[in-house]
């Protein structure tokens, strides 16, 4: 799921949670999917602007819905900054999809 100017929600934090949930399963044994890198998130949501994306990610991290890590990513030789859903973030994302998520 990739949000764009025409298909995102009104809340950037919700868009980011849903993006991370959509790409959670796409990881190799020890490497993460490139769509959860900071760079790919910025590119996927460029219509929001970098300041708004960083503020939303920081708020999600502060609320312990996502965690920021440095990890190896498929297609790169060195570790990259990635974002992952925490168990609470995963639960909230699934509630949003079901239609009863609020944050």
N, C-alpha and C. Protein backbone atom coordinates (compact mmCIF):
# COMPACT_ATOMS: atom_id res chain seq x y z
N UNK A 1 0.85 -1.15 0.00
CA UNK A 1 0.00 0.00 0.00
C UNK A 1 0.89 1.22 0.00
N UNK A 2 0.72 2.07 -0.94
CA UNK A 2 1.53 3.26 -1.01
C UNK A 2 0.61 4.45 -1.16
N UNK A 3 0.64 5.33 -0.21
CA UNK A 3 -0.23 6.50 -0.25
C UNK A 3 0.32 7.52 -1.22
N UNK A 4 -0.55 8.23 -1.82
CA UNK A 4 -0.16 9.29 -2.72
C UNK A 4 -1.06 10.48 -2.48
N UNK A 5 -0.87 11.54 -3.24
CA UNK A 5 -1.62 12.76 -3.02
C UNK A 5 -3.12 12.53 -3.10
N UNK A 6 -3.55 11.58 -3.91
CA UNK A 6 -4.96 11.36 -4.09
C UNK A 6 -5.54 10.24 -3.25
N UNK A 7 -4.72 9.39 -2.63
CA UNK A 7 -5.29 8.26 -1.92
C UNK A 7 -4.83 8.11 -0.48
N UNK A 8 -4.23 9.15 0.10
CA UNK A 8 -3.84 9.08 1.49
C UNK A 8 -5.01 9.46 2.39
N UNK A 9 -4.88 9.21 3.67
CA UNK A 9 -5.90 9.64 4.61
C UNK A 9 -5.63 11.10 4.94
N UNK A 10 -6.47 11.67 5.77
CA UNK A 10 -6.26 13.06 6.15
C UNK A 10 -5.17 13.20 7.22
N UNK A 11 -4.73 12.09 7.78
CA UNK A 11 -3.74 12.11 8.84
C UNK A 11 -2.45 11.45 8.40
N UNK A 12 -1.34 12.20 8.37
CA UNK A 12 -0.07 11.59 7.92
C UNK A 12 0.39 10.43 8.80
N UNK A 13 0.09 10.48 10.10
CA UNK A 13 0.51 9.39 10.99
C UNK A 13 -0.20 8.09 10.62
N UNK A 14 -1.47 8.19 10.29
CA UNK A 14 -2.22 7.00 9.87
C UNK A 14 -1.65 6.46 8.57
N UNK A 15 -1.36 7.35 7.62
CA UNK A 15 -0.76 6.92 6.34
C UNK A 15 0.55 6.18 6.58
N UNK A 16 1.37 6.69 7.48
CA UNK A 16 2.66 6.06 7.76
C UNK A 16 2.49 4.71 8.44
N UNK A 17 1.56 4.62 9.39
CA UNK A 17 1.30 3.34 10.04
C UNK A 17 0.84 2.29 9.03
N UNK A 18 -0.06 2.67 8.15
CA UNK A 18 -0.57 1.73 7.15
C UNK A 18 0.52 1.33 6.16
N UNK A 19 1.39 2.25 5.80
CA UNK A 19 2.52 1.95 4.90
C UNK A 19 3.43 0.91 5.56
N UNK A 20 3.77 1.13 6.82
CA UNK A 20 4.66 0.19 7.51
C UNK A 20 4.00 -1.17 7.70
N UNK A 21 2.71 -1.19 7.95
CA UNK A 21 2.00 -2.46 8.07
C UNK A 21 2.01 -3.20 6.74
N UNK A 22 1.79 -2.48 5.65
CA UNK A 22 1.75 -3.11 4.33
C UNK A 22 3.09 -3.73 3.95
N UNK A 23 4.18 -3.16 4.45
CA UNK A 23 5.51 -3.66 4.08
C UNK A 23 6.16 -4.50 5.17
N UNK A 24 5.43 -4.81 6.22
CA UNK A 24 5.97 -5.60 7.32
C UNK A 24 6.38 -7.01 6.89
N UNK A 25 5.59 -7.63 6.05
CA UNK A 25 5.84 -9.02 5.67
C UNK A 25 6.91 -9.17 4.60
N UNK A 26 7.32 -8.09 3.98
CA UNK A 26 8.27 -8.16 2.88
C UNK A 26 9.70 -8.02 3.37
N UNK A 27 10.16 -8.99 4.10
CA UNK A 27 11.53 -8.97 4.55
C UNK A 27 12.18 -10.33 4.36
N UNK A 28 13.45 -10.28 4.06
CA UNK A 28 14.22 -11.51 3.95
C UNK A 28 14.59 -11.95 5.36
N UNK A 29 15.33 -13.02 5.47
CA UNK A 29 15.63 -13.56 6.79
C UNK A 29 16.32 -12.55 7.72
N UNK A 30 17.34 -11.88 7.23
CA UNK A 30 18.06 -10.93 8.08
C UNK A 30 18.05 -9.51 7.52
N UNK A 31 17.37 -9.30 6.42
CA UNK A 31 17.34 -7.99 5.79
C UNK A 31 15.92 -7.47 5.71
N UNK A 32 15.78 -6.18 5.89
CA UNK A 32 14.47 -5.54 5.83
C UNK A 32 14.13 -5.14 4.40
N UNK A 33 12.85 -4.97 4.15
CA UNK A 33 12.34 -4.47 2.87
C UNK A 33 12.79 -3.02 2.70
N UNK A 34 13.19 -2.66 1.51
CA UNK A 34 13.67 -1.30 1.29
C UNK A 34 12.58 -0.25 1.45
N UNK A 35 11.31 -0.64 1.41
CA UNK A 35 10.21 0.31 1.56
C UNK A 35 10.03 0.85 2.97
N UNK A 36 10.75 0.29 3.94
CA UNK A 36 10.66 0.79 5.31
C UNK A 36 11.88 1.64 5.68
N UNK A 37 12.75 1.92 4.70
CA UNK A 37 13.88 2.81 4.96
C UNK A 37 13.37 4.24 5.04
N UNK A 38 14.13 5.05 5.74
CA UNK A 38 13.78 6.47 5.86
C UNK A 38 13.68 7.11 4.47
N UNK A 39 14.63 6.79 3.60
CA UNK A 39 14.65 7.34 2.25
C UNK A 39 13.39 6.96 1.47
N UNK A 40 13.01 5.68 1.50
CA UNK A 40 11.84 5.22 0.75
C UNK A 40 10.55 5.82 1.30
N UNK A 41 10.47 5.98 2.61
CA UNK A 41 9.29 6.60 3.21
C UNK A 41 9.19 8.05 2.75
N UNK A 42 10.31 8.76 2.76
CA UNK A 42 10.31 10.15 2.30
C UNK A 42 9.88 10.24 0.83
N UNK A 43 10.34 9.31 0.03
CA UNK A 43 9.99 9.29 -1.38
C UNK A 43 8.52 8.93 -1.59
N UNK A 44 8.02 7.95 -0.85
CA UNK A 44 6.64 7.52 -0.99
C UNK A 44 5.65 8.60 -0.58
N UNK A 45 6.03 9.42 0.38
CA UNK A 45 5.13 10.45 0.91
C UNK A 45 5.64 11.85 0.61
N UNK A 46 6.35 12.03 -0.50
CA UNK A 46 6.94 13.33 -0.81
C UNK A 46 5.90 14.44 -0.94
N UNK A 47 4.67 14.08 -1.25
CA UNK A 47 3.59 15.07 -1.35
C UNK A 47 3.29 15.72 -0.01
N UNK A 48 3.69 15.07 1.10
CA UNK A 48 3.49 15.65 2.44
C UNK A 48 4.56 16.68 2.77
N UNK A 49 5.73 16.50 2.20
CA UNK A 49 6.86 17.36 2.54
C UNK A 49 7.69 16.73 3.65
N UNK A 50 9.00 16.88 3.59
CA UNK A 50 9.89 16.20 4.54
C UNK A 50 9.66 16.60 6.00
N UNK A 51 9.35 17.88 6.25
CA UNK A 51 9.14 18.31 7.64
C UNK A 51 7.93 17.61 8.25
N UNK A 52 6.85 17.53 7.51
CA UNK A 52 5.62 16.90 8.00
C UNK A 52 5.83 15.39 8.23
N UNK A 53 6.57 14.75 7.33
CA UNK A 53 6.85 13.31 7.47
C UNK A 53 7.70 13.07 8.72
N UNK A 54 8.77 13.85 8.87
CA UNK A 54 9.65 13.66 10.03
C UNK A 54 8.91 13.93 11.34
N UNK A 55 8.05 14.95 11.35
CA UNK A 55 7.28 15.25 12.56
C UNK A 55 6.33 14.10 12.89
N UNK A 56 5.68 13.54 11.87
CA UNK A 56 4.76 12.42 12.09
C UNK A 56 5.53 11.19 12.59
N UNK A 57 6.66 10.89 11.98
CA UNK A 57 7.46 9.74 12.42
C UNK A 57 7.96 9.93 13.85
N UNK A 58 8.38 11.15 14.18
CA UNK A 58 8.87 11.42 15.52
C UNK A 58 7.74 11.26 16.55
N UNK A 59 6.54 11.74 16.20
CA UNK A 59 5.40 11.58 17.11
C UNK A 59 5.05 10.10 17.30
N UNK A 60 5.05 9.34 16.21
CA UNK A 60 4.76 7.91 16.30
C UNK A 60 5.81 7.19 17.14
N UNK A 61 7.07 7.62 17.01
CA UNK A 61 8.14 7.01 17.79
C UNK A 61 8.00 7.39 19.28
N UNK A 62 7.66 8.62 19.56
CA UNK A 62 7.46 9.07 20.93
C UNK A 62 6.31 8.31 21.59
N UNK A 63 5.27 8.03 20.82
CA UNK A 63 4.11 7.30 21.33
C UNK A 63 4.33 5.79 21.32
N UNK A 64 5.53 5.38 20.93
CA UNK A 64 5.95 3.97 20.89
C UNK A 64 5.08 3.12 19.96
N UNK A 65 4.68 3.72 18.85
CA UNK A 65 3.94 2.99 17.83
C UNK A 65 4.88 2.50 16.73
N UNK A 66 6.01 3.17 16.58
CA UNK A 66 7.05 2.74 15.65
C UNK A 66 8.40 2.82 16.36
N UNK A 67 9.35 2.04 15.87
CA UNK A 67 10.71 2.13 16.38
C UNK A 67 11.64 2.41 15.21
N UNK A 68 12.65 3.19 15.49
CA UNK A 68 13.65 3.54 14.49
C UNK A 68 14.89 2.72 14.79
N UNK A 69 15.43 2.06 13.76
CA UNK A 69 16.60 1.21 13.93
C UNK A 69 17.52 1.37 12.74
N UNK A 70 18.74 0.93 12.90
CA UNK A 70 19.68 0.83 11.79
C UNK A 70 19.85 -0.65 11.52
N UNK A 71 19.56 -1.06 10.29
CA UNK A 71 19.57 -2.49 9.98
C UNK A 71 19.90 -2.68 8.50
N UNK A 72 20.34 -3.89 8.16
CA UNK A 72 20.61 -4.20 6.77
C UNK A 72 19.31 -4.28 5.99
N UNK A 73 19.37 -3.81 4.75
CA UNK A 73 18.20 -3.73 3.89
C UNK A 73 18.51 -4.44 2.58
N UNK A 74 17.52 -5.14 2.05
CA UNK A 74 17.68 -5.84 0.77
C UNK A 74 18.15 -4.85 -0.30
N UNK A 75 19.25 -5.20 -0.97
CA UNK A 75 19.76 -4.38 -2.06
C UNK A 75 20.83 -3.37 -1.67
N UNK A 76 21.14 -3.25 -0.39
CA UNK A 76 22.17 -2.31 0.07
C UNK A 76 23.28 -3.07 0.77
N UNK A 77 24.51 -2.54 0.66
CA UNK A 77 25.66 -3.19 1.28
C UNK A 77 25.90 -2.76 2.72
N UNK A 78 25.34 -1.63 3.11
CA UNK A 78 25.55 -1.15 4.46
C UNK A 78 24.19 -0.92 5.14
N UNK A 79 24.16 -0.93 6.46
CA UNK A 79 22.90 -0.74 7.18
C UNK A 79 22.28 0.63 6.88
N UNK A 80 20.97 0.68 6.93
CA UNK A 80 20.20 1.90 6.69
C UNK A 80 19.24 2.14 7.84
N UNK A 81 18.79 3.39 7.99
CA UNK A 81 17.78 3.71 8.99
C UNK A 81 16.44 3.18 8.49
N UNK A 82 15.79 2.39 9.33
CA UNK A 82 14.49 1.83 8.99
C UNK A 82 13.50 2.13 10.12
N UNK A 83 12.23 2.04 9.79
CA UNK A 83 11.17 2.19 10.77
C UNK A 83 10.35 0.91 10.78
N UNK A 84 10.02 0.44 11.98
CA UNK A 84 9.21 -0.76 12.14
C UNK A 84 8.07 -0.46 13.10
N UNK A 85 6.95 -1.14 12.89
CA UNK A 85 5.85 -1.03 13.82
C UNK A 85 6.18 -1.78 15.10
N UNK A 86 5.82 -1.22 16.22
CA UNK A 86 5.90 -1.93 17.49
C UNK A 86 4.62 -2.77 17.59
N UNK A 87 4.52 -3.66 18.56
CA UNK A 87 3.26 -4.40 18.71
C UNK A 87 2.04 -3.47 18.86
N UNK A 88 2.19 -2.37 19.60
CA UNK A 88 1.09 -1.41 19.75
C UNK A 88 0.75 -0.75 18.42
N UNK A 89 1.78 -0.43 17.63
CA UNK A 89 1.56 0.17 16.31
C UNK A 89 0.89 -0.78 15.34
N UNK A 90 1.27 -2.04 15.42
CA UNK A 90 0.66 -3.07 14.57
C UNK A 90 -0.83 -3.21 14.92
N UNK A 91 -1.14 -3.24 16.21
CA UNK A 91 -2.52 -3.36 16.66
C UNK A 91 -3.34 -2.15 16.21
N UNK A 92 -2.81 -0.95 16.39
CA UNK A 92 -3.53 0.25 15.97
C UNK A 92 -3.75 0.26 14.46
N UNK A 93 -2.74 -0.13 13.69
CA UNK A 93 -2.87 -0.18 12.23
C UNK A 93 -3.98 -1.13 11.81
N UNK A 94 -4.04 -2.27 12.45
CA UNK A 94 -5.09 -3.25 12.12
C UNK A 94 -6.47 -2.72 12.51
N UNK A 95 -6.53 -1.97 13.61
CA UNK A 95 -7.81 -1.36 14.01
C UNK A 95 -8.25 -0.31 13.00
N UNK A 96 -7.29 0.47 12.49
CA UNK A 96 -7.62 1.48 11.47
C UNK A 96 -8.19 0.81 10.24
N UNK A 97 -7.57 -0.28 9.81
CA UNK A 97 -8.08 -1.02 8.64
C UNK A 97 -9.48 -1.56 8.90
N UNK A 98 -9.70 -2.03 10.14
CA UNK A 98 -11.03 -2.57 10.48
C UNK A 98 -12.07 -1.46 10.66
N UNK A 99 -11.60 -0.22 10.75
CA UNK A 99 -12.52 0.90 10.85
C UNK A 99 -12.78 1.41 12.24
N UNK A 100 -12.08 0.91 13.23
CA UNK A 100 -12.33 1.38 14.60
C UNK A 100 -11.05 1.91 15.26
N UNK A 101 -10.05 2.27 14.47
CA UNK A 101 -8.82 2.79 15.04
C UNK A 101 -8.87 4.29 15.24
N UNK A 102 -8.43 4.71 16.40
CA UNK A 102 -8.34 6.13 16.70
C UNK A 102 -6.99 6.35 17.36
N UNK A 103 -6.39 7.50 17.05
CA UNK A 103 -5.17 7.84 17.78
C UNK A 103 -4.99 9.29 17.90
